[in-house]
Amino acid sequence: MRILVVDDAEPMRFLLGSVFRSLGHDVVTLASGTGVEAALAAAPVDVVFTDVVMPDSSGWDVLRHVRARWPKLPVVFMTGWDDAARKGRDGLVPDAVLDKPFSLDKVRAMLDAVAPAR
C-alpha cells in the first residue's frame, strides 16, 4: 500500500513514515498541503494522513483537493484540537479523525480501518 503523510512537523512526518514503512508500506511525505495535487498526480496513493492545522495549507485544503479529483481516496485528519474535524466543513468530512497525541497502536488500527481492501 502507498500512504501519503502531510504534516508541517518534521518529527511527525518522520515517525509516521517510519511506522508505515516498518509495516511494509510505501510512504510519501509532504511538509505542506500545497504539493498534494502534484504528489497524487505523480504517484497515486491508497490513503492520506494529514495534519489539520498547518501554516501554508490546512488539512481542509488537502481534503478539498483530494475530494475534487479522487473522491474515494480515504483521508484521515490528525489533530489535537480541531473539533470541527468531526463535524465537517463546507460539505467536506474526513473519513476518520486520529486524535493527537496518539499511540502507534492507534495509528495501525486507523490504517486498518480506512485502508482499501487488497
N, C-alpha and C. Protein backbone atom coordinates (compact mmCIF):
# COMPACT_ATOMS: atom_id res chain seq x y z
N MET A 1 0.85 -1.17 0.00
CA MET A 1 0.00 0.00 0.00
C MET A 1 0.91 1.24 0.00
N ARG A 2 0.42 2.29 -0.62
CA ARG A 2 1.16 3.56 -0.68
C ARG A 2 0.38 4.60 0.14
N ILE A 3 1.09 5.28 1.07
CA ILE A 3 0.46 6.21 2.00
C ILE A 3 1.11 7.58 1.85
N LEU A 4 0.27 8.62 1.82
CA LEU A 4 0.75 10.00 1.82
C LEU A 4 0.55 10.58 3.22
N VAL A 5 1.63 11.12 3.79
CA VAL A 5 1.58 11.78 5.09
C VAL A 5 1.88 13.26 4.87
N VAL A 6 0.96 14.13 5.30
CA VAL A 6 1.14 15.57 5.16
C VAL A 6 1.12 16.19 6.56
N ASP A 7 2.26 16.76 6.96
CA ASP A 7 2.35 17.38 8.27
C ASP A 7 3.51 18.36 8.26
N ASP A 8 3.31 19.55 8.80
CA ASP A 8 4.38 20.55 8.81
C ASP A 8 5.45 20.24 9.84
N ALA A 9 5.17 19.35 10.77
CA ALA A 9 6.14 18.98 11.81
C ALA A 9 7.01 17.81 11.34
N GLU A 10 8.28 18.07 11.14
CA GLU A 10 9.19 17.05 10.63
C GLU A 10 9.24 15.80 11.51
N PRO A 11 9.26 15.94 12.85
CA PRO A 11 9.27 14.72 13.68
C PRO A 11 8.04 13.83 13.44
N MET A 12 6.89 14.45 13.21
CA MET A 12 5.67 13.66 12.96
C MET A 12 5.77 12.94 11.61
N ARG A 13 6.25 13.64 10.60
CA ARG A 13 6.41 13.00 9.28
C ARG A 13 7.38 11.83 9.39
N PHE A 14 8.49 12.04 10.09
CA PHE A 14 9.49 11.00 10.26
C PHE A 14 8.91 9.80 11.00
N LEU A 15 8.23 10.06 12.11
CA LEU A 15 7.65 8.99 12.92
C LEU A 15 6.64 8.16 12.12
N LEU A 16 5.68 8.84 11.50
CA LEU A 16 4.66 8.11 10.75
C LEU A 16 5.26 7.39 9.55
N GLY A 17 6.19 8.04 8.87
CA GLY A 17 6.85 7.38 7.75
C GLY A 17 7.55 6.12 8.20
N SER A 18 8.25 6.18 9.33
CA SER A 18 8.95 5.01 9.86
C SER A 18 7.98 3.90 10.24
N VAL A 19 6.88 4.28 10.90
CA VAL A 19 5.89 3.27 11.31
C VAL A 19 5.30 2.58 10.09
N PHE A 20 4.85 3.36 9.12
CA PHE A 20 4.22 2.77 7.93
C PHE A 20 5.21 1.92 7.14
N ARG A 21 6.46 2.38 7.02
CA ARG A 21 7.48 1.60 6.30
C ARG A 21 7.75 0.28 7.04
N SER A 22 7.78 0.33 8.38
CA SER A 22 8.03 -0.89 9.15
C SER A 22 6.91 -1.91 8.96
N LEU A 23 5.73 -1.41 8.58
CA LEU A 23 4.59 -2.30 8.31
C LEU A 23 4.57 -2.77 6.85
N GLY A 24 5.59 -2.36 6.09
CA GLY A 24 5.73 -2.83 4.71
C GLY A 24 5.10 -1.94 3.66
N HIS A 25 4.76 -0.71 4.01
CA HIS A 25 4.10 0.19 3.05
C HIS A 25 5.09 1.18 2.45
N ASP A 26 4.76 1.68 1.27
CA ASP A 26 5.49 2.78 0.66
C ASP A 26 4.92 4.08 1.22
N VAL A 27 5.77 5.05 1.48
CA VAL A 27 5.31 6.29 2.10
C VAL A 27 5.87 7.49 1.34
N VAL A 28 4.99 8.45 1.10
CA VAL A 28 5.38 9.75 0.57
C VAL A 28 5.05 10.76 1.66
N THR A 29 5.99 11.67 1.97
CA THR A 29 5.71 12.68 2.99
C THR A 29 5.83 14.07 2.38
N LEU A 30 4.97 14.96 2.84
CA LEU A 30 4.99 16.36 2.43
C LEU A 30 4.91 17.24 3.68
N ALA A 31 5.64 18.35 3.64
CA ALA A 31 5.65 19.29 4.76
C ALA A 31 4.51 20.29 4.67
N SER A 32 3.78 20.26 3.56
CA SER A 32 2.70 21.22 3.34
C SER A 32 1.66 20.61 2.42
N GLY A 33 0.45 21.09 2.53
CA GLY A 33 -0.61 20.62 1.65
C GLY A 33 -0.53 21.21 0.26
N THR A 34 0.34 22.18 0.05
CA THR A 34 0.40 22.84 -1.25
C THR A 34 0.87 21.91 -2.36
N GLY A 35 1.58 20.84 -2.03
CA GLY A 35 2.07 19.92 -3.06
C GLY A 35 1.25 18.66 -3.24
N VAL A 36 0.11 18.60 -2.59
CA VAL A 36 -0.69 17.36 -2.60
C VAL A 36 -1.15 16.97 -4.00
N GLU A 37 -1.71 17.90 -4.74
CA GLU A 37 -2.21 17.56 -6.08
C GLU A 37 -1.10 17.01 -6.97
N ALA A 38 0.04 17.67 -6.96
CA ALA A 38 1.17 17.22 -7.79
C ALA A 38 1.66 15.85 -7.33
N ALA A 39 1.74 15.64 -6.02
CA ALA A 39 2.22 14.36 -5.50
C ALA A 39 1.27 13.23 -5.88
N LEU A 40 -0.04 13.48 -5.78
CA LEU A 40 -1.01 12.44 -6.12
C LEU A 40 -1.07 12.18 -7.62
N ALA A 41 -0.87 13.20 -8.41
CA ALA A 41 -0.86 13.02 -9.86
C ALA A 41 0.38 12.23 -10.30
N ALA A 42 1.49 12.45 -9.61
CA ALA A 42 2.74 11.77 -9.96
C ALA A 42 2.75 10.31 -9.54
N ALA A 43 2.19 10.02 -8.39
CA ALA A 43 2.20 8.66 -7.85
C ALA A 43 0.98 8.45 -6.97
N PRO A 44 -0.04 7.82 -7.50
CA PRO A 44 -1.27 7.61 -6.71
C PRO A 44 -0.99 6.90 -5.38
N VAL A 45 -1.80 7.23 -4.39
CA VAL A 45 -1.69 6.61 -3.07
C VAL A 45 -3.01 5.94 -2.72
N ASP A 46 -2.97 5.15 -1.65
CA ASP A 46 -4.16 4.43 -1.20
C ASP A 46 -4.85 5.11 -0.02
N VAL A 47 -4.09 5.90 0.76
CA VAL A 47 -4.61 6.57 1.95
C VAL A 47 -3.81 7.85 2.17
N VAL A 48 -4.50 8.90 2.65
CA VAL A 48 -3.83 10.15 3.01
C VAL A 48 -4.04 10.40 4.49
N PHE A 49 -2.94 10.65 5.22
CA PHE A 49 -2.98 11.09 6.60
C PHE A 49 -2.51 12.53 6.59
N THR A 50 -3.32 13.47 7.07
CA THR A 50 -2.93 14.87 7.05
C THR A 50 -3.21 15.57 8.37
N ASP A 51 -2.27 16.42 8.75
CA ASP A 51 -2.48 17.31 9.87
C ASP A 51 -3.59 18.27 9.46
N VAL A 52 -4.31 18.82 10.41
CA VAL A 52 -5.37 19.77 10.08
C VAL A 52 -4.82 21.20 10.06
N VAL A 53 -4.08 21.56 11.08
CA VAL A 53 -3.59 22.94 11.20
C VAL A 53 -2.14 23.00 10.75
N MET A 54 -1.93 23.66 9.59
CA MET A 54 -0.59 23.86 9.03
C MET A 54 -0.53 25.29 8.50
N PRO A 55 0.66 25.89 8.47
CA PRO A 55 0.75 27.30 8.09
C PRO A 55 0.41 27.62 6.64
N ASP A 56 0.84 26.82 5.69
CA ASP A 56 0.66 27.15 4.28
C ASP A 56 -0.66 26.66 3.69
N SER A 57 -1.10 25.53 4.13
CA SER A 57 -2.29 24.91 3.57
C SER A 57 -2.84 23.95 4.61
N SER A 58 -4.10 24.08 4.96
CA SER A 58 -4.68 23.28 6.04
C SER A 58 -5.08 21.89 5.56
N GLY A 59 -5.40 21.06 6.52
CA GLY A 59 -5.94 19.74 6.19
C GLY A 59 -7.24 19.85 5.41
N TRP A 60 -7.99 20.91 5.66
CA TRP A 60 -9.22 21.13 4.90
C TRP A 60 -8.90 21.38 3.43
N ASP A 61 -7.81 22.09 3.15
CA ASP A 61 -7.39 22.31 1.76
C ASP A 61 -6.98 20.98 1.12
N VAL A 62 -6.25 20.17 1.88
CA VAL A 62 -5.86 18.85 1.39
C VAL A 62 -7.10 18.04 1.05
N LEU A 63 -8.05 18.00 1.98
CA LEU A 63 -9.28 17.23 1.77
C LEU A 63 -10.04 17.74 0.55
N ARG A 64 -10.13 19.04 0.39
CA ARG A 64 -10.83 19.63 -0.76
C ARG A 64 -10.19 19.19 -2.08
N HIS A 65 -8.85 19.23 -2.15
CA HIS A 65 -8.14 18.82 -3.37
C HIS A 65 -8.34 17.33 -3.65
N VAL A 66 -8.26 16.53 -2.62
CA VAL A 66 -8.43 15.08 -2.79
C VAL A 66 -9.84 14.76 -3.26
N ARG A 67 -10.85 15.33 -2.60
CA ARG A 67 -12.23 15.02 -2.97
C ARG A 67 -12.56 15.48 -4.39
N ALA A 68 -11.93 16.56 -4.85
CA ALA A 68 -12.21 17.09 -6.19
C ALA A 68 -11.74 16.13 -7.29
N ARG A 69 -10.62 15.46 -7.08
CA ARG A 69 -10.08 14.60 -8.15
C ARG A 69 -10.10 13.12 -7.82
N TRP A 70 -10.05 12.77 -6.55
CA TRP A 70 -10.01 11.37 -6.12
C TRP A 70 -11.03 11.17 -5.00
N PRO A 71 -12.31 11.25 -5.31
CA PRO A 71 -13.35 11.28 -4.25
C PRO A 71 -13.40 10.05 -3.36
N LYS A 72 -12.89 8.92 -3.81
CA LYS A 72 -12.95 7.70 -3.00
C LYS A 72 -11.68 7.45 -2.20
N LEU A 73 -10.68 8.31 -2.34
CA LEU A 73 -9.43 8.15 -1.62
C LEU A 73 -9.64 8.51 -0.14
N PRO A 74 -9.38 7.56 0.77
CA PRO A 74 -9.59 7.85 2.20
C PRO A 74 -8.63 8.92 2.72
N VAL A 75 -9.18 9.85 3.49
CA VAL A 75 -8.38 10.92 4.11
C VAL A 75 -8.61 10.88 5.62
N VAL A 76 -7.51 10.79 6.36
CA VAL A 76 -7.54 10.77 7.82
C VAL A 76 -6.96 12.09 8.32
N PHE A 77 -7.73 12.80 9.13
CA PHE A 77 -7.25 14.02 9.77
C PHE A 77 -6.53 13.63 11.06
N MET A 78 -5.39 14.27 11.30
CA MET A 78 -4.67 14.12 12.56
C MET A 78 -4.73 15.48 13.25
N THR A 79 -5.31 15.51 14.44
CA THR A 79 -5.49 16.81 15.09
C THR A 79 -5.48 16.67 16.60
N GLY A 80 -5.06 17.75 17.24
CA GLY A 80 -5.06 17.77 18.69
C GLY A 80 -6.14 18.66 19.27
N TRP A 81 -6.81 19.42 18.41
CA TRP A 81 -7.78 20.35 19.00
C TRP A 81 -8.88 20.80 18.07
N ASP A 82 -8.93 20.40 16.85
CA ASP A 82 -9.92 20.90 15.90
C ASP A 82 -11.20 20.07 15.94
N ASP A 83 -12.16 20.49 16.79
CA ASP A 83 -13.42 19.76 16.91
C ASP A 83 -14.22 19.77 15.62
N ALA A 84 -14.01 20.77 14.79
CA ALA A 84 -14.73 20.85 13.51
C ALA A 84 -14.37 19.68 12.61
N ALA A 85 -13.25 19.04 12.85
CA ALA A 85 -12.82 17.93 12.01
C ALA A 85 -13.87 16.81 11.99
N ARG A 86 -14.52 16.58 13.10
CA ARG A 86 -15.53 15.52 13.15
C ARG A 86 -16.85 15.96 12.53
N LYS A 87 -17.16 17.23 12.63
CA LYS A 87 -18.44 17.74 12.14
C LYS A 87 -18.42 18.04 10.65
N GLY A 88 -17.22 18.32 10.12
CA GLY A 88 -17.11 18.68 8.72
C GLY A 88 -17.17 20.18 8.52
N ARG A 89 -16.87 20.58 7.31
CA ARG A 89 -16.85 21.99 6.96
C ARG A 89 -17.11 22.12 5.46
N ASP A 90 -17.98 23.03 5.10
CA ASP A 90 -18.28 23.30 3.69
C ASP A 90 -18.66 22.03 2.93
N GLY A 91 -19.38 21.14 3.60
CA GLY A 91 -19.81 19.91 2.96
C GLY A 91 -18.74 18.84 2.89
N LEU A 92 -17.59 19.08 3.48
CA LEU A 92 -16.49 18.12 3.49
C LEU A 92 -16.35 17.49 4.86
N VAL A 93 -16.15 16.18 4.88
CA VAL A 93 -15.93 15.45 6.12
C VAL A 93 -14.83 14.42 5.86
N PRO A 94 -13.81 14.39 6.71
CA PRO A 94 -12.77 13.37 6.51
C PRO A 94 -13.32 11.99 6.78
N ASP A 95 -12.63 10.98 6.29
CA ASP A 95 -13.08 9.60 6.51
C ASP A 95 -12.89 9.17 7.96
N ALA A 96 -11.90 9.77 8.62
CA ALA A 96 -11.63 9.44 10.02
C ALA A 96 -10.80 10.55 10.64
N VAL A 97 -10.80 10.57 11.99
CA VAL A 97 -10.01 11.54 12.73
C VAL A 97 -9.17 10.79 13.75
N LEU A 98 -7.88 11.07 13.73
CA LEU A 98 -6.93 10.48 14.67
C LEU A 98 -6.52 11.58 15.63
N ASP A 99 -6.94 11.47 16.88
CA ASP A 99 -6.67 12.50 17.88
C ASP A 99 -5.22 12.44 18.35
N LYS A 100 -4.56 13.62 18.34
CA LYS A 100 -3.21 13.74 18.89
C LYS A 100 -3.33 14.06 20.38
N PRO A 101 -2.46 13.55 21.20
CA PRO A 101 -1.40 12.60 20.86
C PRO A 101 -1.99 11.21 20.68
N PHE A 102 -1.35 10.41 19.85
CA PHE A 102 -1.86 9.06 19.60
C PHE A 102 -0.74 8.04 19.76
N SER A 103 -1.15 6.82 20.04
CA SER A 103 -0.19 5.73 20.17
C SER A 103 0.03 5.10 18.79
N LEU A 104 1.11 4.37 18.68
CA LEU A 104 1.38 3.68 17.42
C LEU A 104 0.33 2.60 17.15
N ASP A 105 -0.21 2.02 18.21
CA ASP A 105 -1.28 1.04 18.04
C ASP A 105 -2.52 1.70 17.41
N LYS A 106 -2.81 2.93 17.83
CA LYS A 106 -3.96 3.65 17.25
C LYS A 106 -3.71 3.98 15.78
N VAL A 107 -2.47 4.31 15.44
CA VAL A 107 -2.13 4.58 14.03
C VAL A 107 -2.36 3.33 13.20
N ARG A 108 -1.87 2.19 13.67
CA ARG A 108 -2.06 0.93 12.94
C ARG A 108 -3.54 0.59 12.82
N ALA A 109 -4.28 0.74 13.90
CA ALA A 109 -5.71 0.43 13.87
C ALA A 109 -6.45 1.36 12.91
N MET A 110 -6.08 2.63 12.89
CA MET A 110 -6.71 3.58 11.97
C MET A 110 -6.41 3.19 10.52
N LEU A 111 -5.17 2.85 10.24
CA LEU A 111 -4.82 2.42 8.88
C LEU A 111 -5.65 1.22 8.47
N ASP A 112 -5.74 0.23 9.35
CA ASP A 112 -6.55 -0.96 9.05
C ASP A 112 -8.01 -0.61 8.81
N ALA A 113 -8.52 0.38 9.54
CA ALA A 113 -9.94 0.76 9.43
C ALA A 113 -10.26 1.48 8.11
N VAL A 114 -9.33 2.29 7.63
CA VAL A 114 -9.63 3.09 6.44
C VAL A 114 -9.00 2.58 5.16
N ALA A 115 -8.04 1.68 5.26
CA ALA A 115 -7.33 1.22 4.06
C ALA A 115 -8.26 0.41 3.16
N PRO A 116 -8.11 0.62 1.87
CA PRO A 116 -8.92 -0.16 0.93
C PRO A 116 -8.54 -1.63 1.02
N ALA A 117 -9.50 -2.49 0.82
CA ALA A 117 -9.25 -3.94 0.85
C ALA A 117 -8.31 -4.31 -0.30
N ARG A 118 -7.36 -5.16 0.00
CA ARG A 118 -6.41 -5.60 -1.03
C ARG A 118 -6.39 -7.09 -1.07
